[in-house]
Amino acid sequence: MSRRANREKVFQLLFSADYYRPEEMTEQIRHFFESEEAAYFEKKRLEAEAKEIDPNSLDLILPASMLRSREEVRERVLQILPEISELDGQLNEKIDGWDTTRIGRVELTVLRLALYEMQYDESISEAVAINEAVELAKKFGQEKSAEFINGVLAKFTEKNQNGSSDKTE
């Protein structure tokens, strides 16, 4: 699986985190992957039927790449969940006229994921994290979501470039 596909799955699971207690998330992650697995096997059965192969004769197993992807997504979600309150606090400090209680759930989830990547994942550059966040916002958000996401995340790069939280003139 590609990093983008994995990021989308992380986004989907983080989105659901707002609707479950923290102790329920391990179970929700398991359900998410069970649904993904069922869809994969159904697709393979339909492909077999289209080729006039008896689907019951198939020995269906998940590909190794799918299993690796699943583990990467699970680990990433479990890394981000404990940081949500810290990430929300940082967002609340930076966003003028807004706070995390007023931001749409899609946008908030995208911001949390991107901010986590920008601050905790050295393998992802800020530019990539922002670009991927904008793409997630375009796919899952509303018309102006990508613009909003880009603007908010730019405030976090200014801090790193200028060495302070305020713009220099």
C-alpha atoms as a PDB file:
ATOM      1  CA  MET A   1       0.000   0.000   0.000  1.00  0.00           C
ATOM      2  CA  SER A   2       1.145   3.530  -0.693  1.00  0.00           C
ATOM      3  CA  ARG A   3       1.830   6.077   2.011  1.00  0.00           C
ATOM      4  CA  ARG A   4      -1.151   8.065   0.762  1.00  0.00           C
ATOM      5  CA  ALA A   5      -3.481   5.067   1.068  1.00  0.00           C
ATOM      6  CA  ASN A   6      -2.164   4.385   4.563  1.00  0.00           C
ATOM      7  CA  ARG A   7      -2.592   8.051   5.496  1.00  0.00           C
ATOM      8  CA  GLU A   8      -6.227   7.909   4.367  1.00  0.00           C
ATOM      9  CA  LYS A   9      -6.819   4.899   6.602  1.00  0.00           C
ATOM     10  CA  VAL A  10      -5.148   6.661   9.532  1.00  0.00           C
ATOM     11  CA  PHE A  11      -7.383   9.666   8.837  1.00  0.00           C
ATOM     12  CA  GLN A  12     -10.503   7.487   8.812  1.00  0.00           C
ATOM     13  CA  LEU A  13      -9.604   5.823  12.090  1.00  0.00           C
ATOM     14  CA  LEU A  14      -8.660   9.120  13.759  1.00  0.00           C
ATOM     15  CA  PHE A  15     -11.955  10.576  12.579  1.00  0.00           C
ATOM     16  CA  SER A  16     -13.784   7.792  14.379  1.00  0.00           C
ATOM     17  CA  ALA A  17     -11.793   8.453  17.572  1.00  0.00           C
ATOM     18  CA  ASP A  18     -14.014  11.453  18.335  1.00  0.00           C
ATOM     19  CA  TYR A  19     -16.991   9.130  18.605  1.00  0.00           C
ATOM     20  CA  TYR A  20     -15.522   6.445  20.859  1.00  0.00           C
ATOM     21  CA  ARG A  21     -13.878   6.352  24.253  1.00  0.00           C
ATOM     22  CA  PRO A  22     -10.086   5.877  24.088  1.00  0.00           C
ATOM     23  CA  GLU A  23     -10.323   2.364  25.500  1.00  0.00           C
ATOM     24  CA  GLU A  24     -12.679   1.403  22.635  1.00  0.00           C
ATOM     25  CA  MET A  25     -10.315   2.405  19.852  1.00  0.00           C
ATOM     26  CA  THR A  26      -8.381  -0.867  19.764  1.00  0.00           C
ATOM     27  CA  GLU A  27     -11.665  -2.639  19.076  1.00  0.00           C
ATOM     28  CA  GLN A  28     -12.629  -0.037  16.456  1.00  0.00           C
ATOM     29  CA  ILE A  29      -9.307  -0.526  14.696  1.00  0.00           C
ATOM     30  CA  ARG A  30      -9.957  -4.284  14.631  1.00  0.00           C
ATOM     31  CA  HIS A  31     -13.442  -3.729  13.150  1.00  0.00           C
ATOM     32  CA  PHE A  32     -12.025  -1.349  10.541  1.00  0.00           C
ATOM     33  CA  PHE A  33      -9.580  -3.978   9.310  1.00  0.00           C
ATOM     34  CA  GLU A  34     -12.172  -6.746   9.412  1.00  0.00           C
ATOM     35  CA  SER A  35     -14.347  -4.645   7.103  1.00  0.00           C
ATOM     36  CA  GLU A  36     -11.396  -3.992   4.814  1.00  0.00           C
ATOM     37  CA  GLU A  37     -10.586  -7.707   4.762  1.00  0.00           C
ATOM     38  CA  ALA A  38     -14.187  -8.651   3.966  1.00  0.00           C
ATOM     39  CA  ALA A  39     -14.237  -6.156   1.089  1.00  0.00           C
ATOM     40  CA  TYR A  40     -10.963  -7.543  -0.260  1.00  0.00           C
ATOM     41  CA  PHE A  41     -12.236 -11.134  -0.180  1.00  0.00           C
ATOM     42  CA  GLU A  42     -15.554 -10.135  -1.756  1.00  0.00           C
ATOM     43  CA  LYS A  43     -13.692  -8.397  -4.575  1.00  0.00           C
ATOM     44  CA  LYS A  44     -11.601 -11.532  -5.171  1.00  0.00           C
ATOM     45  CA  ARG A  45     -14.730 -13.723  -5.187  1.00  0.00           C
ATOM     46  CA  LEU A  46     -16.427 -11.438  -7.714  1.00  0.00           C
ATOM     47  CA  GLU A  47     -13.332 -11.443  -9.914  1.00  0.00           C
ATOM     48  CA  ALA A  48     -13.297 -15.244  -9.819  1.00  0.00           C
ATOM     49  CA  GLU A  49     -16.990 -15.443 -10.735  1.00  0.00           C
ATOM     50  CA  ALA A  50     -16.408 -13.036 -13.628  1.00  0.00           C
ATOM     51  CA  LYS A  51     -13.732 -15.431 -14.898  1.00  0.00           C
ATOM     52  CA  GLU A  52     -16.159 -18.325 -14.351  1.00  0.00           C
ATOM     53  CA  ILE A  53     -14.038 -19.793 -11.578  1.00  0.00           C
ATOM     54  CA  ASP A  54     -15.756 -21.340  -8.596  1.00  0.00           C
ATOM     55  CA  PRO A  55     -15.021 -18.850  -5.766  1.00  0.00           C
ATOM     56  CA  ASN A  56     -15.185 -21.715  -3.264  1.00  0.00           C
ATOM     57  CA  SER A  57     -12.137 -23.253  -4.908  1.00  0.00           C
ATOM     58  CA  LEU A  58     -10.038 -20.186  -4.131  1.00  0.00           C
ATOM     59  CA  ASP A  59      -7.528 -20.234  -1.294  1.00  0.00           C
ATOM     60  CA  LEU A  60      -7.971 -16.630  -0.224  1.00  0.00           C
ATOM     61  CA  ILE A  61      -5.288 -15.048   1.944  1.00  0.00           C
ATOM     62  CA  LEU A  62      -4.385 -11.449   2.514  1.00  0.00           C
ATOM     63  CA  PRO A  63      -1.287 -10.271   0.652  1.00  0.00           C
ATOM     64  CA  ALA A  64       1.791  -9.508   2.754  1.00  0.00           C
ATOM     65  CA  SER A  65       1.675  -5.872   1.614  1.00  0.00           C
ATOM     66  CA  MET A  66      -1.833  -5.532   3.012  1.00  0.00           C
ATOM     67  CA  LEU A  67      -0.759  -7.039   6.326  1.00  0.00           C
ATOM     68  CA  ARG A  68       2.237  -4.660   6.526  1.00  0.00           C
ATOM     69  CA  SER A  69       0.005  -1.726   5.685  1.00  0.00           C
ATOM     70  CA  ARG A  70      -2.473  -2.766   8.355  1.00  0.00           C
ATOM     71  CA  GLU A  71       0.253  -2.865  11.001  1.00  0.00           C
ATOM     72  CA  GLU A  72       1.694   0.508   9.941  1.00  0.00           C
ATOM     73  CA  VAL A  73      -1.742   2.125  10.102  1.00  0.00           C
ATOM     74  CA  ARG A  74      -2.544   0.570  13.471  1.00  0.00           C
ATOM     75  CA  GLU A  75       0.786   1.699  14.941  1.00  0.00           C
ATOM     76  CA  ARG A  76       0.385   5.229  13.585  1.00  0.00           C
ATOM     77  CA  VAL A  77      -3.123   5.611  14.983  1.00  0.00           C
ATOM     78  CA  LEU A  78      -2.020   4.318  18.376  1.00  0.00           C
ATOM     79  CA  GLN A  79       0.894   6.791  18.334  1.00  0.00           C
ATOM     80  CA  ILE A  80      -1.328   9.767  17.502  1.00  0.00           C
ATOM     81  CA  LEU A  81      -4.237   9.083  19.861  1.00  0.00           C
ATOM     82  CA  PRO A  82      -2.356   9.975  23.077  1.00  0.00           C
ATOM     83  CA  GLU A  83      -1.149  13.223  21.460  1.00  0.00           C
ATOM     84  CA  ILE A  84      -4.591  14.540  20.458  1.00  0.00           C
ATOM     85  CA  SER A  85      -5.068  16.840  23.448  1.00  0.00           C
ATOM     86  CA  GLU A  86      -1.568  18.296  22.948  1.00  0.00           C
ATOM     87  CA  LEU A  87      -2.187  18.773  19.213  1.00  0.00           C
ATOM     88  CA  ASP A  88      -5.558  20.406  19.931  1.00  0.00           C
ATOM     89  CA  GLY A  89      -3.897  22.751  22.414  1.00  0.00           C
ATOM     90  CA  GLN A  90      -1.370  23.812  19.801  1.00  0.00           C
ATOM     91  CA  LEU A  91      -4.132  24.341  17.251  1.00  0.00           C
ATOM     92  CA  ASN A  92      -6.133  26.430  19.722  1.00  0.00           C
ATOM     93  CA  GLU A  93      -3.086  28.658  20.297  1.00  0.00           C
ATOM     94  CA  LYS A  94      -2.500  29.277  16.589  1.00  0.00           C
ATOM     95  CA  ILE A  95      -5.945  29.633  15.056  1.00  0.00           C
ATOM     96  CA  ASP A  96      -7.266  33.178  15.382  1.00  0.00           C
ATOM     97  CA  GLY A  97     -11.002  33.339  15.934  1.00  0.00           C
ATOM     98  CA  TRP A  98     -11.392  29.573  15.996  1.00  0.00           C
ATOM     99  CA  ASP A  99     -10.841  26.733  18.374  1.00  0.00           C
ATOM    100  CA  THR A 100     -11.015  22.994  17.993  1.00  0.00           C
ATOM    101  CA  THR A 101     -14.603  22.873  19.248  1.00  0.00           C
ATOM    102  CA  ARG A 102     -15.726  24.999  16.284  1.00  0.00           C
ATOM    103  CA  ILE A 103     -13.734  23.266  13.542  1.00  0.00           C
ATOM    104  CA  GLY A 104     -15.493  20.616  11.469  1.00  0.00           C
ATOM    105  CA  ARG A 105     -14.559  17.043  12.372  1.00  0.00           C
ATOM    106  CA  VAL A 106     -13.020  16.329   8.969  1.00  0.00           C
ATOM    107  CA  GLU A 107     -10.863  19.443   9.084  1.00  0.00           C
ATOM    108  CA  LEU A 108      -9.868  18.859  12.695  1.00  0.00           C
ATOM    109  CA  THR A 109      -8.847  15.284  11.968  1.00  0.00           C
ATOM    110  CA  VAL A 110      -6.790  16.383   8.951  1.00  0.00           C
ATOM    111  CA  LEU A 111      -5.101  19.075  11.050  1.00  0.00           C
ATOM    112  CA  ARG A 112      -4.312  16.650  13.861  1.00  0.00           C
ATOM    113  CA  LEU A 113      -2.769  14.149  11.469  1.00  0.00           C
ATOM    114  CA  ALA A 114      -0.729  16.738   9.588  1.00  0.00           C
ATOM    115  CA  LEU A 115       0.474  18.462  12.736  1.00  0.00           C
ATOM    116  CA  TYR A 116       1.502  15.113  14.186  1.00  0.00           C
ATOM    117  CA  GLU A 117       3.468  14.326  11.026  1.00  0.00           C
ATOM    118  CA  MET A 118       5.095  17.756  11.022  1.00  0.00           C
ATOM    119  CA  GLN A 119       6.164  17.573  14.647  1.00  0.00           C
ATOM    120  CA  TYR A 120       6.783  13.902  15.394  1.00  0.00           C
ATOM    121  CA  ASP A 121       7.671  12.133  12.140  1.00  0.00           C
ATOM    122  CA  GLU A 122      11.131  13.053  10.904  1.00  0.00           C
ATOM    123  CA  SER A 123      10.670  10.884   7.806  1.00  0.00           C
ATOM    124  CA  ILE A 124       7.995  13.272   6.486  1.00  0.00           C
ATOM    125  CA  SER A 125       8.906  16.814   5.514  1.00  0.00           C
ATOM    126  CA  GLU A 126       6.625  19.676   6.493  1.00  0.00           C
ATOM    127  CA  ALA A 127       5.905  20.349   2.822  1.00  0.00           C
ATOM    128  CA  VAL A 128       4.794  16.755   2.240  1.00  0.00           C
ATOM    129  CA  ALA A 129       2.683  16.729   5.417  1.00  0.00           C
ATOM    130  CA  ILE A 130       0.945  19.942   4.339  1.00  0.00           C
ATOM    131  CA  ASN A 131       0.436  18.776   0.760  1.00  0.00           C
ATOM    132  CA  GLU A 132      -1.032  15.470   1.912  1.00  0.00           C
ATOM    133  CA  ALA A 133      -3.286  17.286   4.390  1.00  0.00           C
ATOM    134  CA  VAL A 134      -4.577  19.523   1.609  1.00  0.00           C
ATOM    135  CA  GLU A 135      -5.263  16.456  -0.542  1.00  0.00           C
ATOM    136  CA  LEU A 136      -7.164  14.782   2.315  1.00  0.00           C
ATOM    137  CA  ALA A 137      -9.187  17.969   2.786  1.00  0.00           C
ATOM    138  CA  LYS A 138     -10.041  18.051  -0.908  1.00  0.00           C
ATOM    139  CA  LYS A 139     -11.149  14.430  -0.837  1.00  0.00           C
ATOM    140  CA  PHE A 140     -13.065  14.345   2.447  1.00  0.00           C
ATOM    141  CA  GLY A 141     -13.774  17.962   3.320  1.00  0.00           C
ATOM    142  CA  GLN A 142     -15.954  20.751   2.074  1.00  0.00           C
ATOM    143  CA  GLU A 143     -15.288  23.251  -0.697  1.00  0.00           C
ATOM    144  CA  LYS A 144     -13.057  25.589   1.367  1.00  0.00           C
ATOM    145  CA  SER A 145     -11.488  22.911   3.575  1.00  0.00           C
ATOM    146  CA  ALA A 146      -8.203  22.662   1.664  1.00  0.00           C
ATOM    147  CA  GLU A 147      -7.679  26.417   1.832  1.00  0.00           C
ATOM    148  CA  PHE A 148      -8.419  26.456   5.565  1.00  0.00           C
ATOM    149  CA  ILE A 149      -6.067  23.519   6.236  1.00  0.00           C
ATOM    150  CA  ASN A 150      -3.278  25.102   4.229  1.00  0.00           C
ATOM    151  CA  GLY A 151      -3.660  28.405   6.075  1.00  0.00           C
ATOM    152  CA  VAL A 152      -3.650  26.841   9.521  1.00  0.00           C
ATOM    153  CA  LEU A 153      -0.655  24.606   8.849  1.00  0.00           C
ATOM    154  CA  ALA A 154       1.283  27.541   7.379  1.00  0.00           C
ATOM    155  CA  LYS A 155       1.185  29.108  10.837  1.00  0.00           C
ATOM    156  CA  PHE A 156       3.157  26.167  12.165  1.00  0.00           C
ATOM    157  CA  THR A 157       5.848  26.412   9.499  1.00  0.00           C
ATOM    158  CA  GLU A 158       6.333  30.133  10.178  1.00  0.00           C
ATOM    159  CA  LYS A 159       7.354  29.280  13.727  1.00  0.00           C
ATOM    160  CA  ASN A 160      10.015  26.885  12.488  1.00  0.00           C
ATOM    161  CA  GLN A 161      11.326  29.243   9.803  1.00  0.00           C
ATOM    162  CA  ASN A 162      11.443  32.387  11.943  1.00  0.00           C
ATOM    163  CA  GLY A 163      12.359  30.849  15.248  1.00  0.00           C
ATOM    164  CA  SER A 164       9.343  32.446  16.948  1.00  0.00           C
ATOM    165  CA  SER A 165       5.600  32.224  16.814  1.00  0.00           C
ATOM    166  CA  ASP A 166       5.233  35.748  15.399  1.00  0.00           C
ATOM    167  CA  LYS A 167       6.021  36.865  11.873  1.00  0.00           C
ATOM    168  CA  THR A 168       8.990  39.173  11.567  1.00  0.00           C
ATOM    169  CA  GLU A 169       8.615  42.268   9.490  1.00  0.00           C
END
